[in-house]
Amino acid sequence: MSGFDLRSEPGADCRIGERATFDASVRWGHNVTLGDDAHIGPGATLYDNVEIGAGTWIGPGCSIGEPTMAFYRDRAAYEGARTRIGASSILRRGTVVNAGTTIGARFQTGPYAAIREETRIGDNCSVGNNCDIQYGVEIGSFTRLHTNVAVGSGTRIGPYVWVHPFVVFTNDRAFPTFLKQEPPVIAPFCSIAVHSTILPGARLGVHTIVGAHTKVGGYVPAYAFMDGSPAENRIDCRKILHKLGGRVVTPYPWIHHVGRDYPWADQPAEKRRIEEWLPDEWREFL
């Protein structure tokens, strides 16, 4: 069915959960599913084959299942791939999610985030306002992207990662030829500070800390503190000391200081070990 074959109300092929609500201005595609207690705000568009989880809030002007370039190349043949938004998520005003994207539960966006097709995002993630996530990106659970982050296609970001405003993930060594695309890989527990650039082929080890305005490429060992342009490994971040309120503290690993909303929240801070929360597929980056 055409990606623009939209209706002013849900058709018989749509499934609307109990207590789900939607504004009269919502535009509906075919085969749309709303979970129980979901809400769709004014001016939102739900294209074909969209699935919205229970309790999820879709804000004004959002576009879910947005047609990909394949639609504009051949409208007659186009069929939007299934798009899934997990339960208890919040998509704020103007968020666009392309067809074929899968997003886990308790996801949040800021206004006007854009997420391209074939992207996979885990549970408990957030993507800030005006972020641009290109196609085929993987983002692990509990990862947070702040404002105005740009993620190149194919980038792989593990769980428990912090990405601060205006960070750019690049993926092409010979742009714009696309002859040597090497998306970066960011291991769990990394923290990337403002205005940093992650270069094509970068491999950041577990709990790498990237300083502000840093340009990082190549292989980076676990627990490195990378700073400068080009970046240098200044120190094992576990040796960094800060004086706060008359006492000396070690801020890293940050898992010892941050518990709220994380799965280790009930563990005493001194007993939290990164190794216990590191998925097996990421252990080579430790």
C-alpha atoms as a PDB file:
ATOM      1  CA  MET A   1       0.000   0.000   0.000  1.00  0.00           C
ATOM      2  CA  SER A   2       1.200   3.534  -0.703  1.00  0.00           C
ATOM      3  CA  GLY A   3       3.069   5.209   2.134  1.00  0.00           C
ATOM      4  CA  PHE A   4       0.773   8.239   1.603  1.00  0.00           C
ATOM      5  CA  ASP A   5      -2.500   6.286   1.605  1.00  0.00           C
ATOM      6  CA  LEU A   6      -3.543   7.982   4.837  1.00  0.00           C
ATOM      7  CA  ARG A   7      -6.912   8.169   6.518  1.00  0.00           C
ATOM      8  CA  SER A   8      -8.561  10.535   8.979  1.00  0.00           C
ATOM      9  CA  GLU A   9      -9.484   7.691  11.348  1.00  0.00           C
ATOM     10  CA  PRO A  10      -8.203   4.177  12.064  1.00  0.00           C
ATOM     11  CA  GLY A  11      -9.505   1.551   9.663  1.00  0.00           C
ATOM     12  CA  ALA A  12     -10.692  -1.989  10.327  1.00  0.00           C
ATOM     13  CA  ASP A  13      -7.127  -3.256   9.866  1.00  0.00           C
ATOM     14  CA  CYS A  14      -5.936  -1.190  12.872  1.00  0.00           C
ATOM     15  CA  ARG A  15      -5.948  -2.438  16.463  1.00  0.00           C
ATOM     16  CA  ILE A  16      -6.663   0.074  19.213  1.00  0.00           C
ATOM     17  CA  GLY A  17      -5.943  -0.952  22.807  1.00  0.00           C
ATOM     18  CA  GLU A  18      -8.099  -0.258  25.827  1.00  0.00           C
ATOM     19  CA  ARG A  19      -8.105   3.361  27.013  1.00  0.00           C
ATOM     20  CA  ALA A  20      -5.892   4.400  24.095  1.00  0.00           C
ATOM     21  CA  THR A  21      -6.607   7.988  23.004  1.00  0.00           C
ATOM     22  CA  PHE A  22      -5.810  10.036  19.925  1.00  0.00           C
ATOM     23  CA  ASP A  23      -6.522  13.500  18.595  1.00  0.00           C
ATOM     24  CA  ALA A  24      -9.019  13.873  15.740  1.00  0.00           C
ATOM     25  CA  SER A  25      -6.257  15.363  13.548  1.00  0.00           C
ATOM     26  CA  VAL A  26      -4.115  12.180  13.607  1.00  0.00           C
ATOM     27  CA  ARG A  27      -3.537  10.634  10.163  1.00  0.00           C
ATOM     28  CA  TRP A  28      -3.613   6.844   9.940  1.00  0.00           C
ATOM     29  CA  GLY A  29      -1.927   4.337   7.676  1.00  0.00           C
ATOM     30  CA  HIS A  30      -2.828   0.665   7.413  1.00  0.00           C
ATOM     31  CA  ASN A  31      -2.168  -2.074   9.967  1.00  0.00           C
ATOM     32  CA  VAL A  32      -1.461   0.270  12.877  1.00  0.00           C
ATOM     33  CA  THR A  33      -1.477  -1.065  16.441  1.00  0.00           C
ATOM     34  CA  LEU A  34      -1.896   1.075  19.570  1.00  0.00           C
ATOM     35  CA  GLY A  35      -1.266  -0.579  22.913  1.00  0.00           C
ATOM     36  CA  ASP A  36      -3.417  -0.050  25.979  1.00  0.00           C
ATOM     37  CA  ASP A  37      -3.274   3.502  27.409  1.00  0.00           C
ATOM     38  CA  ALA A  38      -1.249   4.837  24.471  1.00  0.00           C
ATOM     39  CA  HIS A  39      -1.855   8.426  23.366  1.00  0.00           C
ATOM     40  CA  ILE A  40      -1.302  10.079  19.981  1.00  0.00           C
ATOM     41  CA  GLY A  41      -1.163  13.882  19.939  1.00  0.00           C
ATOM     42  CA  PRO A  42      -2.456  16.489  17.472  1.00  0.00           C
ATOM     43  CA  GLY A  43      -1.116  16.420  13.931  1.00  0.00           C
ATOM     44  CA  ALA A  44       0.781  13.145  14.353  1.00  0.00           C
ATOM     45  CA  THR A  45       1.033  10.686  11.466  1.00  0.00           C
ATOM     46  CA  LEU A  46       1.148   6.905  11.876  1.00  0.00           C
ATOM     47  CA  TYR A  47       2.126   5.298   8.584  1.00  0.00           C
ATOM     48  CA  ASP A  48       1.602   1.662   7.543  1.00  0.00           C
ATOM     49  CA  ASN A  49       2.723  -1.211   9.798  1.00  0.00           C
ATOM     50  CA  VAL A  50       3.380   0.884  12.913  1.00  0.00           C
ATOM     51  CA  GLU A  51       3.202  -0.656  16.363  1.00  0.00           C
ATOM     52  CA  ILE A  52       2.989   1.600  19.438  1.00  0.00           C
ATOM     53  CA  GLY A  53       3.506  -0.028  22.839  1.00  0.00           C
ATOM     54  CA  ALA A  54       1.232   0.266  25.869  1.00  0.00           C
ATOM     55  CA  GLY A  55       1.350   3.543  27.746  1.00  0.00           C
ATOM     56  CA  THR A  56       3.421   5.318  25.087  1.00  0.00           C
ATOM     57  CA  TRP A  57       2.872   9.016  24.412  1.00  0.00           C
ATOM     58  CA  ILE A  58       3.373  10.291  20.870  1.00  0.00           C
ATOM     59  CA  GLY A  59       3.521  14.090  20.892  1.00  0.00           C
ATOM     60  CA  PRO A  60       2.166  16.682  18.459  1.00  0.00           C
ATOM     61  CA  GLY A  61       3.422  16.575  14.897  1.00  0.00           C
ATOM     62  CA  CYS A  62       5.358  13.308  15.230  1.00  0.00           C
ATOM     63  CA  SER A  63       5.753  11.046  12.202  1.00  0.00           C
ATOM     64  CA  ILE A  64       6.106   7.335  12.921  1.00  0.00           C
ATOM     65  CA  GLY A  65       6.921   4.899  10.131  1.00  0.00           C
ATOM     66  CA  GLU A  66       7.990   7.767   7.862  1.00  0.00           C
ATOM     67  CA  PRO A  67       8.466   6.456   4.297  1.00  0.00           C
ATOM     68  CA  THR A  68      12.050   5.820   3.229  1.00  0.00           C
ATOM     69  CA  MET A  69      13.671   6.837  -0.053  1.00  0.00           C
ATOM     70  CA  ALA A  70      12.347   3.606  -1.602  1.00  0.00           C
ATOM     71  CA  PHE A  71       8.865   5.145  -1.579  1.00  0.00           C
ATOM     72  CA  TYR A  72       9.899   8.122  -3.671  1.00  0.00           C
ATOM     73  CA  ARG A  73      11.710   5.903  -6.160  1.00  0.00           C
ATOM     74  CA  ASP A  74       8.798   3.538  -6.752  1.00  0.00           C
ATOM     75  CA  ARG A  75       5.561   4.409  -5.001  1.00  0.00           C
ATOM     76  CA  ALA A  76       3.602   1.513  -6.470  1.00  0.00           C
ATOM     77  CA  ALA A  77       6.033  -1.100  -5.172  1.00  0.00           C
ATOM     78  CA  TYR A  78       6.738   0.454  -1.783  1.00  0.00           C
ATOM     79  CA  GLU A  79       5.654  -1.292   1.405  1.00  0.00           C
ATOM     80  CA  GLY A  80       6.745   0.228   4.682  1.00  0.00           C
ATOM     81  CA  ALA A  81       8.672  -2.153   6.939  1.00  0.00           C
ATOM     82  CA  ARG A  82       7.276  -2.664  10.430  1.00  0.00           C
ATOM     83  CA  THR A  83       8.131   0.107  12.877  1.00  0.00           C
ATOM     84  CA  ARG A  84       7.995  -0.618  16.604  1.00  0.00           C
ATOM     85  CA  ILE A  85       8.025   1.782  19.554  1.00  0.00           C
ATOM     86  CA  GLY A  86       8.192   0.050  22.936  1.00  0.00           C
ATOM     87  CA  ALA A  87       5.918   0.473  25.940  1.00  0.00           C
ATOM     88  CA  SER A  88       5.921   3.517  28.217  1.00  0.00           C
ATOM     89  CA  SER A  89       7.887   5.664  25.781  1.00  0.00           C
ATOM     90  CA  ILE A  90       7.635   9.428  25.240  1.00  0.00           C
ATOM     91  CA  LEU A  91       8.215  10.913  21.783  1.00  0.00           C
ATOM     92  CA  ARG A  92       8.084  14.686  21.995  1.00  0.00           C
ATOM     93  CA  ARG A  93       6.923  17.183  19.420  1.00  0.00           C
ATOM     94  CA  GLY A  94       8.112  16.738  15.858  1.00  0.00           C
ATOM     95  CA  THR A  95      10.008  13.476  16.320  1.00  0.00           C
ATOM     96  CA  VAL A  96      10.397  11.519  13.072  1.00  0.00           C
ATOM     97  CA  VAL A  97      10.988   7.745  13.091  1.00  0.00           C
ATOM     98  CA  ASN A  98      11.498   6.122   9.700  1.00  0.00           C
ATOM     99  CA  ALA A  99       9.893   2.847   8.678  1.00  0.00           C
ATOM    100  CA  GLY A 100      11.794  -0.273   9.710  1.00  0.00           C
ATOM    101  CA  THR A 101      13.088   1.074  13.031  1.00  0.00           C
ATOM    102  CA  THR A 102      12.761  -0.899  16.274  1.00  0.00           C
ATOM    103  CA  ILE A 103      12.880   0.901  19.628  1.00  0.00           C
ATOM    104  CA  GLY A 104      12.607  -0.650  23.074  1.00  0.00           C
ATOM    105  CA  ALA A 105      10.551   0.229  26.130  1.00  0.00           C
ATOM    106  CA  ARG A 106      10.764   3.444  28.171  1.00  0.00           C
ATOM    107  CA  PHE A 107      12.360   5.381  25.330  1.00  0.00           C
ATOM    108  CA  GLN A 108      12.354   9.190  25.231  1.00  0.00           C
ATOM    109  CA  THR A 109      13.092  11.855  22.666  1.00  0.00           C
ATOM    110  CA  GLY A 110      13.403  15.600  22.872  1.00  0.00           C
ATOM    111  CA  PRO A 111      11.593  17.710  20.280  1.00  0.00           C
ATOM    112  CA  TYR A 112      12.460  17.204  16.609  1.00  0.00           C
ATOM    113  CA  ALA A 113      14.692  14.161  16.907  1.00  0.00           C
ATOM    114  CA  ALA A 114      15.090  12.236  13.621  1.00  0.00           C
ATOM    115  CA  ILE A 115      15.740   8.480  13.504  1.00  0.00           C
ATOM    116  CA  ARG A 116      16.372   6.788  10.172  1.00  0.00           C
ATOM    117  CA  GLU A 117      15.406   3.288   8.983  1.00  0.00           C
ATOM    118  CA  GLU A 118      16.893  -0.033  10.138  1.00  0.00           C
ATOM    119  CA  THR A 119      18.020   1.500  13.422  1.00  0.00           C
ATOM    120  CA  ARG A 120      17.797  -0.606  16.578  1.00  0.00           C
ATOM    121  CA  ILE A 121      17.557   1.044  19.983  1.00  0.00           C
ATOM    122  CA  GLY A 122      17.360  -0.841  23.289  1.00  0.00           C
ATOM    123  CA  ASP A 123      15.319  -0.216  26.427  1.00  0.00           C
ATOM    124  CA  ASN A 124      15.561   2.847  28.678  1.00  0.00           C
ATOM    125  CA  CYS A 125      17.317   5.047  26.113  1.00  0.00           C
ATOM    126  CA  SER A 126      16.930   8.751  25.406  1.00  0.00           C
ATOM    127  CA  VAL A 127      17.662  10.831  22.310  1.00  0.00           C
ATOM    128  CA  GLY A 128      17.723  14.599  22.849  1.00  0.00           C
ATOM    129  CA  ASN A 129      16.182  17.358  20.796  1.00  0.00           C
ATOM    130  CA  ASN A 130      17.423  17.855  17.237  1.00  0.00           C
ATOM    131  CA  CYS A 131      19.465  14.643  17.232  1.00  0.00           C
ATOM    132  CA  ASP A 132      20.056  13.044  13.833  1.00  0.00           C
ATOM    133  CA  ILE A 133      20.459   9.261  13.823  1.00  0.00           C
ATOM    134  CA  GLN A 134      21.187   7.889  10.363  1.00  0.00           C
ATOM    135  CA  TYR A 135      20.193   4.457   9.028  1.00  0.00           C
ATOM    136  CA  GLY A 136      21.374   1.125  10.387  1.00  0.00           C
ATOM    137  CA  VAL A 137      22.553   2.445  13.765  1.00  0.00           C
ATOM    138  CA  GLU A 138      22.615   0.215  16.862  1.00  0.00           C
ATOM    139  CA  ILE A 139      22.215   1.759  20.322  1.00  0.00           C
ATOM    140  CA  GLY A 140      22.283  -0.377  23.460  1.00  0.00           C
ATOM    141  CA  SER A 141      19.981  -0.133  26.465  1.00  0.00           C
ATOM    142  CA  PHE A 142      20.357   2.680  29.018  1.00  0.00           C
ATOM    143  CA  THR A 143      22.322   4.855  26.582  1.00  0.00           C
ATOM    144  CA  ARG A 144      21.641   8.586  26.547  1.00  0.00           C
ATOM    145  CA  LEU A 145      22.238  11.030  23.716  1.00  0.00           C
ATOM    146  CA  HIS A 146      21.978  14.697  24.628  1.00  0.00           C
ATOM    147  CA  THR A 147      21.059  17.619  22.359  1.00  0.00           C
ATOM    148  CA  ASN A 148      22.183  17.932  18.722  1.00  0.00           C
ATOM    149  CA  VAL A 149      24.093  14.658  18.423  1.00  0.00           C
ATOM    150  CA  ALA A 150      24.715  13.394  14.867  1.00  0.00           C
ATOM    151  CA  VAL A 151      25.232   9.634  14.438  1.00  0.00           C
ATOM    152  CA  GLY A 152      26.513   8.370  11.085  1.00  0.00           C
ATOM    153  CA  SER A 153      24.980   5.294   9.495  1.00  0.00           C
ATOM    154  CA  GLY A 154      26.154   1.935  10.779  1.00  0.00           C
ATOM    155  CA  THR A 155      27.514   3.295  14.068  1.00  0.00           C
ATOM    156  CA  ARG A 156      27.371   0.818  16.932  1.00  0.00           C
ATOM    157  CA  ILE A 157      26.961   2.230  20.449  1.00  0.00           C
ATOM    158  CA  GLY A 158      26.830  -0.124  23.416  1.00  0.00           C
ATOM    159  CA  PRO A 159      24.666   0.067  26.525  1.00  0.00           C
ATOM    160  CA  TYR A 160      25.283   2.495  29.404  1.00  0.00           C
ATOM    161  CA  VAL A 161      26.912   5.157  27.203  1.00  0.00           C
ATOM    162  CA  TRP A 162      26.645   8.926  27.726  1.00  0.00           C
ATOM    163  CA  VAL A 163      26.893  11.191  24.669  1.00  0.00           C
ATOM    164  CA  HIS A 164      26.891  14.929  25.339  1.00  0.00           C
ATOM    165  CA  PRO A 165      25.712  17.812  23.111  1.00  0.00           C
ATOM    166  CA  PHE A 166      27.079  18.406  19.605  1.00  0.00           C
ATOM    167  CA  VAL A 167      29.021  15.132  19.344  1.00  0.00           C
ATOM    168  CA  VAL A 168      29.425  13.818  15.791  1.00  0.00           C
ATOM    169  CA  PHE A 169      30.001  10.163  14.833  1.00  0.00           C
ATOM    170  CA  THR A 170      31.527   9.948  11.324  1.00  0.00           C
ATOM    171  CA  ASN A 171      31.782   6.852   9.128  1.00  0.00           C
ATOM    172  CA  ASP A 172      33.499   7.544   5.790  1.00  0.00           C
ATOM    173  CA  ARG A 173      37.266   7.954   5.338  1.00  0.00           C
ATOM    174  CA  ALA A 174      36.906   9.215   1.767  1.00  0.00           C
ATOM    175  CA  PHE A 175      33.697  11.227   1.883  1.00  0.00           C
ATOM    176  CA  PRO A 176      31.750  11.724  -0.332  1.00  0.00           C
ATOM    177  CA  THR A 177      32.921   8.717  -2.337  1.00  0.00           C
ATOM    178  CA  PHE A 178      31.552   6.089   0.123  1.00  0.00           C
ATOM    179  CA  LEU A 179      34.492   3.926  -0.949  1.00  0.00           C
ATOM    180  CA  LYS A 180      35.763   3.273   2.561  1.00  0.00           C
ATOM    181  CA  GLN A 181      32.955   3.360   5.079  1.00  0.00           C
ATOM    182  CA  GLU A 182      34.025   2.349   8.585  1.00  0.00           C
ATOM    183  CA  PRO A 183      31.368   3.136  11.196  1.00  0.00           C
ATOM    184  CA  PRO A 184      32.756   3.631  14.702  1.00  0.00           C
ATOM    185  CA  VAL A 185      32.103   1.264  17.597  1.00  0.00           C
ATOM    186  CA  ILE A 186      31.583   2.611  21.124  1.00  0.00           C
ATOM    187  CA  ALA A 187      31.806   0.088  23.962  1.00  0.00           C
ATOM    188  CA  PRO A 188      29.609   0.195  27.089  1.00  0.00           C
ATOM    189  CA  PHE A 189      30.070   2.767  29.858  1.00  0.00           C
ATOM    190  CA  CYS A 190      31.853   5.326  27.651  1.00  0.00           C
ATOM    191  CA  SER A 191      31.258   9.031  28.211  1.00  0.00           C
ATOM    192  CA  ILE A 192      31.822  11.433  25.308  1.00  0.00           C
ATOM    193  CA  ALA A 193      31.960  15.149  26.116  1.00  0.00           C
ATOM    194  CA  VAL A 194      30.650  18.123  24.146  1.00  0.00           C
ATOM    195  CA  HIS A 195      31.716  18.991  20.591  1.00  0.00           C
ATOM    196  CA  SER A 196      33.802  15.842  20.155  1.00  0.00           C
ATOM    197  CA  THR A 197      34.218  14.048  16.829  1.00  0.00           C
ATOM    198  CA  ILE A 198      34.438  10.264  16.617  1.00  0.00           C
ATOM    199  CA  LEU A 199      36.297   9.415  13.419  1.00  0.00           C
ATOM    200  CA  PRO A 200      35.622   6.547  10.991  1.00  0.00           C
ATOM    201  CA  GLY A 201      36.893   3.211  12.263  1.00  0.00           C
ATOM    202  CA  ALA A 202      37.264   4.344  15.883  1.00  0.00           C
ATOM    203  CA  ARG A 203      37.017   1.543  18.452  1.00  0.00           C
ATOM    204  CA  LEU A 204      36.479   2.895  21.954  1.00  0.00           C
ATOM    205  CA  GLY A 205      37.125   0.427  24.764  1.00  0.00           C
ATOM    206  CA  VAL A 206      34.914  -0.033  27.808  1.00  0.00           C
ATOM    207  CA  HIS A 207      34.555   3.099  29.946  1.00  0.00           C
ATOM    208  CA  THR A 208      36.591   5.374  27.704  1.00  0.00           C
ATOM    209  CA  ILE A 209      36.222   9.024  28.704  1.00  0.00           C
ATOM    210  CA  VAL A 210      36.466  11.502  25.834  1.00  0.00           C
ATOM    211  CA  GLY A 211      37.184  15.131  26.761  1.00  0.00           C
ATOM    212  CA  ALA A 212      35.435  18.129  25.234  1.00  0.00           C
ATOM    213  CA  HIS A 213      36.397  19.196  21.683  1.00  0.00           C
ATOM    214  CA  THR A 214      38.338  15.958  21.167  1.00  0.00           C
ATOM    215  CA  LYS A 215      38.885  14.190  17.847  1.00  0.00           C
ATOM    216  CA  VAL A 216      39.173  10.420  18.398  1.00  0.00           C
ATOM    217  CA  GLY A 217      40.141   7.699  15.927  1.00  0.00           C
ATOM    218  CA  GLY A 218      41.670   4.231  15.899  1.00  0.00           C
ATOM    219  CA  TYR A 219      41.744   1.739  18.753  1.00  0.00           C
ATOM    220  CA  VAL A 220      41.327   3.127  22.266  1.00  0.00           C
ATOM    221  CA  PRO A 221      41.981   0.882  25.294  1.00  0.00           C
ATOM    222  CA  ALA A 222      39.489   0.469  28.117  1.00  0.00           C
ATOM    223  CA  TYR A 223      39.467   3.167  30.806  1.00  0.00           C
ATOM    224  CA  ALA A 224      41.439   5.625  28.673  1.00  0.00           C
ATOM    225  CA  PHE A 225      40.972   9.366  29.137  1.00  0.00           C
ATOM    226  CA  MET A 226      41.236  10.785  25.612  1.00  0.00           C
ATOM    227  CA  ASP A 227      41.836  14.488  25.160  1.00  0.00           C
ATOM    228  CA  GLY A 228      43.003  16.795  22.384  1.00  0.00           C
ATOM    229  CA  SER A 229      42.777  17.009  18.607  1.00  0.00           C
ATOM    230  CA  PRO A 230      44.116  14.587  17.608  1.00  0.00           C
ATOM    231  CA  ALA A 231      43.356  12.808  20.866  1.00  0.00           C
ATOM    232  CA  GLU A 232      45.969  11.395  23.221  1.00  0.00           C
ATOM    233  CA  ASN A 233      45.454   8.956  26.066  1.00  0.00           C
ATOM    234  CA  ARG A 234      46.305  11.196  29.012  1.00  0.00           C
ATOM    235  CA  ILE A 235      45.722   8.835  31.924  1.00  0.00           C
ATOM    236  CA  ASP A 236      43.823   5.764  33.081  1.00  0.00           C
ATOM    237  CA  CYS A 237      40.557   7.464  34.054  1.00  0.00           C
ATOM    238  CA  ARG A 238      40.378   5.408  37.261  1.00  0.00           C
ATOM    239  CA  LYS A 239      43.362   7.461  38.523  1.00  0.00           C
ATOM    240  CA  ILE A 240      41.679  10.837  38.013  1.00  0.00           C
ATOM    241  CA  LEU A 241      41.100  12.695  41.292  1.00  0.00           C
ATOM    242  CA  HIS A 242      38.796  15.607  42.084  1.00  0.00           C
ATOM    243  CA  LYS A 243      38.572  17.671  45.259  1.00  0.00           C
ATOM    244  CA  LEU A 244      34.932  18.251  46.143  1.00  0.00           C
ATOM    245  CA  GLY A 245      33.764  19.870  49.351  1.00  0.00           C
ATOM    246  CA  GLY A 246      37.116  19.402  51.041  1.00  0.00           C
ATOM    247  CA  ARG A 247      37.450  15.731  50.148  1.00  0.00           C
ATOM    248  CA  VAL A 248      39.200  13.911  47.336  1.00  0.00           C
ATOM    249  CA  VAL A 249      37.020  11.672  45.158  1.00  0.00           C
ATOM    250  CA  THR A 250      37.603   9.364  42.200  1.00  0.00           C
ATOM    251  CA  PRO A 251      34.753  10.055  39.735  1.00  0.00           C
ATOM    252  CA  TYR A 252      35.457   6.998  37.572  1.00  0.00           C
ATOM    253  CA  PRO A 253      34.170   4.375  37.098  1.00  0.00           C
ATOM    254  CA  TRP A 254      31.035   6.480  37.152  1.00  0.00           C
ATOM    255  CA  ILE A 255      28.930   3.420  38.010  1.00  0.00           C
ATOM    256  CA  HIS A 256      30.028   3.953  41.642  1.00  0.00           C
ATOM    257  CA  HIS A 257      28.310   7.356  41.732  1.00  0.00           C
ATOM    258  CA  VAL A 258      25.282   6.976  39.462  1.00  0.00           C
ATOM    259  CA  GLY A 259      22.545   4.546  40.418  1.00  0.00           C
ATOM    260  CA  ARG A 260      19.137   6.108  39.868  1.00  0.00           C
ATOM    261  CA  ASP A 261      17.233   4.524  36.971  1.00  0.00           C
ATOM    262  CA  TYR A 262      19.973   1.947  36.367  1.00  0.00           C
ATOM    263  CA  PRO A 263      19.624  -1.810  37.027  1.00  0.00           C
ATOM    264  CA  TRP A 264      22.336  -1.741  39.719  1.00  0.00           C
ATOM    265  CA  ALA A 265      20.555   0.941  41.781  1.00  0.00           C
ATOM    266  CA  ASP A 266      19.935  -1.444  44.693  1.00  0.00           C
ATOM    267  CA  GLN A 267      23.590  -2.476  44.960  1.00  0.00           C
ATOM    268  CA  PRO A 268      25.869  -0.609  47.385  1.00  0.00           C
ATOM    269  CA  ALA A 269      28.053   1.788  45.383  1.00  0.00           C
ATOM    270  CA  GLU A 270      31.310   0.132  46.423  1.00  0.00           C
ATOM    271  CA  LYS A 271      30.118  -3.275  45.180  1.00  0.00           C
ATOM    272  CA  ARG A 272      29.104  -2.204  41.676  1.00  0.00           C
ATOM    273  CA  ARG A 273      31.421  -3.769  39.137  1.00  0.00           C
ATOM    274  CA  ILE A 274      31.346  -2.986  35.431  1.00  0.00           C
ATOM    275  CA  GLU A 275      32.207  -6.601  34.620  1.00  0.00           C
ATOM    276  CA  GLU A 276      28.901  -7.766  36.114  1.00  0.00           C
ATOM    277  CA  TRP A 277      26.898  -5.555  33.739  1.00  0.00           C
ATOM    278  CA  LEU A 278      28.965  -5.995  30.598  1.00  0.00           C
ATOM    279  CA  PRO A 279      27.182  -8.094  27.939  1.00  0.00           C
ATOM    280  CA  ASP A 280      29.272 -10.988  26.635  1.00  0.00           C
ATOM    281  CA  GLU A 281      29.490  -9.562  23.113  1.00  0.00           C
ATOM    282  CA  TRP A 282      31.378  -6.538  24.490  1.00  0.00           C
ATOM    283  CA  ARG A 283      33.988  -8.320  26.602  1.00  0.00           C
ATOM    284  CA  GLU A 284      36.633  -8.071  23.866  1.00  0.00           C
ATOM    285  CA  PHE A 285      36.550  -4.296  24.453  1.00  0.00           C
ATOM    286  CA  LEU A 286      37.468  -4.652  28.153  1.00  0.00           C
END
